[in-house]
Amino acid sequence: MKYNNVLELIGNTPIIKIDDDITKLKHIEIWAKCELFNPFGSVKDRTALRDF
């Protein structure tokens, strides 16, 4: 994807499902939010955008 500026990257943070083989939990789904994909690698990116 192409973006016109860094502010367009904030929001819609991807999440990934952690495989059952890793967690050993067969009846529980665990999902991880990939904050590292935010422009500055922080959960605070969305808050900073709102404050501007």
PDB file of N, CA and C in Angstrom:
ATOM      1  N   MET A   1       0.831  -1.181   0.000  1.00  0.00           N
ATOM      2  CA  MET A   1       0.000   0.000   0.000  1.00  0.00           C
ATOM      3  C   MET A   1       0.875   1.244   0.000  1.00  0.00           C
ATOM      4  N   LYS A   2       0.342   2.279  -0.581  1.00  0.00           N
ATOM      5  CA  LYS A   2       1.052   3.554  -0.599  1.00  0.00           C
ATOM      6  C   LYS A   2       0.245   4.575   0.188  1.00  0.00           C
ATOM      7  N   TYR A   3       0.962   5.422   0.921  1.00  0.00           N
ATOM      8  CA  TYR A   3       0.329   6.438   1.742  1.00  0.00           C
ATOM      9  C   TYR A   3       0.916   7.793   1.397  1.00  0.00           C
ATOM     10  N   ASN A   4       0.102   8.833   1.510  1.00  0.00           N
ATOM     11  CA  ASN A   4       0.556  10.184   1.198  1.00  0.00           C
ATOM     12  C   ASN A   4       1.332  10.824   2.337  1.00  0.00           C
ATOM     13  N   ASN A   5       1.033  10.429   3.577  1.00  0.00           N
ATOM     14  CA  ASN A   5       1.779  10.955   4.716  1.00  0.00           C
ATOM     15  C   ASN A   5       1.705   9.973   5.873  1.00  0.00           C
ATOM     16  N   VAL A   6       2.532  10.195   6.870  1.00  0.00           N
ATOM     17  CA  VAL A   6       2.662   9.269   7.994  1.00  0.00           C
ATOM     18  C   VAL A   6       1.375   9.173   8.819  1.00  0.00           C
ATOM     19  N   LEU A   7       0.558  10.209   8.820  1.00  0.00           N
ATOM     20  CA  LEU A   7      -0.674  10.196   9.604  1.00  0.00           C
ATOM     21  C   LEU A   7      -1.668   9.158   9.093  1.00  0.00           C
ATOM     22  N   GLU A   8      -1.593   8.814   7.824  1.00  0.00           N
ATOM     23  CA  GLU A   8      -2.487   7.806   7.254  1.00  0.00           C
ATOM     24  C   GLU A   8      -2.182   6.403   7.767  1.00  0.00           C
ATOM     25  N   LEU A   9      -1.024   6.215   8.367  1.00  0.00           N
ATOM     26  CA  LEU A   9      -0.640   4.904   8.887  1.00  0.00           C
ATOM     27  C   LEU A   9      -1.245   4.602  10.252  1.00  0.00           C
ATOM     28  N   ILE A  10      -1.750   5.632  10.924  1.00  0.00           N
ATOM     29  CA  ILE A  10      -2.257   5.459  12.287  1.00  0.00           C
ATOM     30  C   ILE A  10      -3.684   4.922  12.246  1.00  0.00           C
ATOM     31  N   GLY A  11      -3.935   3.894  13.043  1.00  0.00           N
ATOM     32  CA  GLY A  11      -5.250   3.262  13.089  1.00  0.00           C
ATOM     33  C   GLY A  11      -5.240   1.951  12.320  1.00  0.00           C
ATOM     34  N   ASN A  12      -6.254   1.142  12.534  1.00  0.00           N
ATOM     35  CA  ASN A  12      -6.370  -0.161  11.864  1.00  0.00           C
ATOM     36  C   ASN A  12      -5.128  -1.019  12.051  1.00  0.00           C
ATOM     37  N   THR A  13      -4.607  -1.040  13.269  1.00  0.00           N
ATOM     38  CA  THR A  13      -3.426  -1.843  13.587  1.00  0.00           C
ATOM     39  C   THR A  13      -3.737  -3.318  13.356  1.00  0.00           C
ATOM     40  N   PRO A  14      -2.893  -4.021  12.618  1.00  0.00           N
ATOM     41  CA  PRO A  14      -3.176  -5.438  12.349  1.00  0.00           C
ATOM     42  C   PRO A  14      -3.042  -6.305  13.597  1.00  0.00           C
ATOM     43  N   ILE A  15      -3.817  -7.391  13.621  1.00  0.00           N
ATOM     44  CA  ILE A  15      -3.693  -8.378  14.691  1.00  0.00           C
ATOM     45  C   ILE A  15      -3.447  -9.741  14.051  1.00  0.00           C
ATOM     46  N   ILE A  16      -2.726 -10.583  14.763  1.00  0.00           N
ATOM     47  CA  ILE A  16      -2.449 -11.924  14.248  1.00  0.00           C
ATOM     48  C   ILE A  16      -2.844 -12.960  15.293  1.00  0.00           C
ATOM     49  N   LYS A  17      -3.315 -14.094  14.809  1.00  0.00           N
ATOM     50  CA  LYS A  17      -3.696 -15.192  15.701  1.00  0.00           C
ATOM     51  C   LYS A  17      -2.446 -15.988  16.041  1.00  0.00           C
ATOM     52  N   ILE A  18      -2.251 -16.238  17.324  1.00  0.00           N
ATOM     53  CA  ILE A  18      -1.128 -17.051  17.777  1.00  0.00           C
ATOM     54  C   ILE A  18      -1.527 -18.517  17.631  1.00  0.00           C
ATOM     55  N   ASP A  19      -0.718 -19.281  16.956  1.00  0.00           N
ATOM     56  CA  ASP A  19      -1.012 -20.673  16.643  1.00  0.00           C
ATOM     57  C   ASP A  19      -1.162 -21.530  17.901  1.00  0.00           C
ATOM     58  N   ASP A  20      -2.104 -22.471  17.860  1.00  0.00           N
ATOM     59  CA  ASP A  20      -2.348 -23.373  18.991  1.00  0.00           C
ATOM     60  C   ASP A  20      -1.117 -24.200  19.350  1.00  0.00           C
ATOM     61  N   ASP A  21      -0.290 -24.504  18.369  1.00  0.00           N
ATOM     62  CA  ASP A  21       0.923 -25.283  18.641  1.00  0.00           C
ATOM     63  C   ASP A  21       1.892 -24.516  19.539  1.00  0.00           C
ATOM     64  N   ILE A  22       1.862 -23.211  19.455  1.00  0.00           N
ATOM     65  CA  ILE A  22       2.745 -22.383  20.279  1.00  0.00           C
ATOM     66  C   ILE A  22       2.182 -22.230  21.690  1.00  0.00           C
ATOM     67  N   THR A  23       0.870 -21.972  21.783  1.00  0.00           N
ATOM     68  CA  THR A  23       0.266 -21.710  23.093  1.00  0.00           C
ATOM     69  C   THR A  23      -0.074 -22.970  23.871  1.00  0.00           C
ATOM     70  N   LYS A  24      -0.256 -24.081  23.165  1.00  0.00           N
ATOM     71  CA  LYS A  24      -0.686 -25.355  23.777  1.00  0.00           C
ATOM     72  C   LYS A  24      -2.083 -25.249  24.393  1.00  0.00           C
ATOM     73  N   LEU A  25      -2.838 -24.231  23.994  1.00  0.00           N
ATOM     74  CA  LEU A  25      -4.207 -24.039  24.471  1.00  0.00           C
ATOM     75  C   LEU A  25      -5.153 -24.359  23.317  1.00  0.00           C
ATOM     76  N   LYS A  26      -5.763 -25.512  23.347  1.00  0.00           N
ATOM     77  CA  LYS A  26      -6.554 -25.992  22.211  1.00  0.00           C
ATOM     78  C   LYS A  26      -7.926 -25.344  22.088  1.00  0.00           C
ATOM     79  N   HIS A  27      -8.504 -24.853  23.168  1.00  0.00           N
ATOM     80  CA  HIS A  27      -9.858 -24.311  23.106  1.00  0.00           C
ATOM     81  C   HIS A  27      -9.903 -22.806  23.364  1.00  0.00           C
ATOM     82  N   ILE A  28      -8.751 -22.171  23.295  1.00  0.00           N
ATOM     83  CA  ILE A  28      -8.667 -20.731  23.534  1.00  0.00           C
ATOM     84  C   ILE A  28      -7.909 -20.096  22.376  1.00  0.00           C
ATOM     85  N   GLU A  29      -8.485 -19.014  21.824  1.00  0.00           N
ATOM     86  CA  GLU A  29      -7.789 -18.272  20.772  1.00  0.00           C
ATOM     87  C   GLU A  29      -7.051 -17.099  21.405  1.00  0.00           C
ATOM     88  N   ILE A  30      -5.809 -16.915  21.026  1.00  0.00           N
ATOM     89  CA  ILE A  30      -5.028 -15.774  21.499  1.00  0.00           C
ATOM     90  C   ILE A  30      -4.618 -14.957  20.281  1.00  0.00           C
ATOM     91  N   TRP A  31      -4.887 -13.666  20.361  1.00  0.00           N
ATOM     92  CA  TRP A  31      -4.571 -12.745  19.277  1.00  0.00           C
ATOM     93  C   TRP A  31      -3.582 -11.702  19.795  1.00  0.00           C
ATOM     94  N   ALA A  32      -2.660 -11.288  18.941  1.00  0.00           N
ATOM     95  CA  ALA A  32      -1.667 -10.276  19.309  1.00  0.00           C
ATOM     96  C   ALA A  32      -1.828  -9.059  18.397  1.00  0.00           C
ATOM     97  N   LYS A  33      -1.902  -7.901  19.008  1.00  0.00           N
ATOM     98  CA  LYS A  33      -2.007  -6.660  18.253  1.00  0.00           C
ATOM     99  C   LYS A  33      -0.596  -6.185  17.925  1.00  0.00           C
ATOM    100  N   CYS A  34      -0.340  -5.901  16.673  1.00  0.00           N
ATOM    101  CA  CYS A  34       1.016  -5.572  16.196  1.00  0.00           C
ATOM    102  C   CYS A  34       1.247  -4.063  16.209  1.00  0.00           C
ATOM    103  N   GLU A  35       1.420  -3.505  17.391  1.00  0.00           N
ATOM    104  CA  GLU A  35       1.643  -2.065  17.522  1.00  0.00           C
ATOM    105  C   GLU A  35       2.921  -1.617  16.819  1.00  0.00           C
ATOM    106  N   LEU A  36       3.836  -2.530  16.594  1.00  0.00           N
ATOM    107  CA  LEU A  36       5.090  -2.157  15.935  1.00  0.00           C
ATOM    108  C   LEU A  36       4.868  -1.642  14.524  1.00  0.00           C
ATOM    109  N   PHE A  37       3.677  -1.878  13.953  1.00  0.00           N
ATOM    110  CA  PHE A  37       3.373  -1.372  12.620  1.00  0.00           C
ATOM    111  C   PHE A  37       2.909   0.075  12.638  1.00  0.00           C
ATOM    112  N   ASN A  38       2.694   0.652  13.823  1.00  0.00           N
ATOM    113  CA  ASN A  38       2.377   2.072  13.907  1.00  0.00           C
ATOM    114  C   ASN A  38       3.617   2.865  13.509  1.00  0.00           C
ATOM    115  N   PRO A  39       3.447   4.081  12.996  1.00  0.00           N
ATOM    116  CA  PRO A  39       4.594   4.859  12.505  1.00  0.00           C
ATOM    117  C   PRO A  39       5.731   5.007  13.510  1.00  0.00           C
ATOM    118  N   PHE A  40       5.383   5.175  14.783  1.00  0.00           N
ATOM    119  CA  PHE A  40       6.419   5.360  15.795  1.00  0.00           C
ATOM    120  C   PHE A  40       6.497   4.173  16.744  1.00  0.00           C
ATOM    121  N   GLY A  41       5.832   3.067  16.379  1.00  0.00           N
ATOM    122  CA  GLY A  41       5.925   1.818  17.136  1.00  0.00           C
ATOM    123  C   GLY A  41       5.316   1.867  18.518  1.00  0.00           C
ATOM    124  N   SER A  42       4.280   2.675  18.688  1.00  0.00           N
ATOM    125  CA  SER A  42       3.719   2.865  20.024  1.00  0.00           C
ATOM    126  C   SER A  42       2.197   2.865  19.989  1.00  0.00           C
ATOM    127  N   VAL A  43       1.590   2.417  21.090  1.00  0.00           N
ATOM    128  CA  VAL A  43       0.133   2.502  21.215  1.00  0.00           C
ATOM    129  C   VAL A  43      -0.306   3.959  21.362  1.00  0.00           C
ATOM    130  N   LYS A  44       0.627   4.847  21.622  1.00  0.00           N
ATOM    131  CA  LYS A  44       0.311   6.259  21.842  1.00  0.00           C
ATOM    132  C   LYS A  44       0.157   7.038  20.537  1.00  0.00           C
ATOM    133  N   ASP A  45       0.433   6.418  19.406  1.00  0.00           N
ATOM    134  CA  ASP A  45       0.320   7.114  18.124  1.00  0.00           C
ATOM    135  C   ASP A  45      -1.095   7.627  17.886  1.00  0.00           C
ATOM    136  N   ARG A  46      -2.093   6.798  18.185  1.00  0.00           N
ATOM    137  CA  ARG A  46      -3.488   7.185  17.971  1.00  0.00           C
ATOM    138  C   ARG A  46      -3.869   8.345  18.892  1.00  0.00           C
ATOM    139  N   THR A  47      -3.408   8.318  20.131  1.00  0.00           N
ATOM    140  CA  THR A  47      -3.682   9.398  21.087  1.00  0.00           C
ATOM    141  C   THR A  47      -3.035  10.695  20.620  1.00  0.00           C
ATOM    142  N   ALA A  48      -1.811  10.611  20.157  1.00  0.00           N
ATOM    143  CA  ALA A  48      -1.111  11.805  19.676  1.00  0.00           C
ATOM    144  C   ALA A  48      -1.830  12.406  18.475  1.00  0.00           C
ATOM    145  N   LEU A  49      -2.317  11.568  17.572  1.00  0.00           N
ATOM    146  CA  LEU A  49      -3.044  12.068  16.404  1.00  0.00           C
ATOM    147  C   LEU A  49      -4.313  12.789  16.844  1.00  0.00           C
ATOM    148  N   ARG A  50      -5.032  12.227  17.809  1.00  0.00           N
ATOM    149  CA  ARG A  50      -6.265  12.840  18.304  1.00  0.00           C
ATOM    150  C   ARG A  50      -5.984  14.203  18.937  1.00  0.00           C
ATOM    151  N   ASP A  51      -4.857  14.343  19.633  1.00  0.00           N
ATOM    152  CA  ASP A  51      -4.529  15.584  20.329  1.00  0.00           C
ATOM    153  C   ASP A  51      -4.118  16.704  19.384  1.00  0.00           C
ATOM    154  N   PHE A  52      -3.726  16.356  18.158  1.00  0.00           N
ATOM    155  CA  PHE A  52      -3.330  17.400  17.210  1.00  0.00           C
ATOM    156  C   PHE A  52      -4.529  17.963  16.579  1.00  0.00           C
TER     157      PHE A  52
END
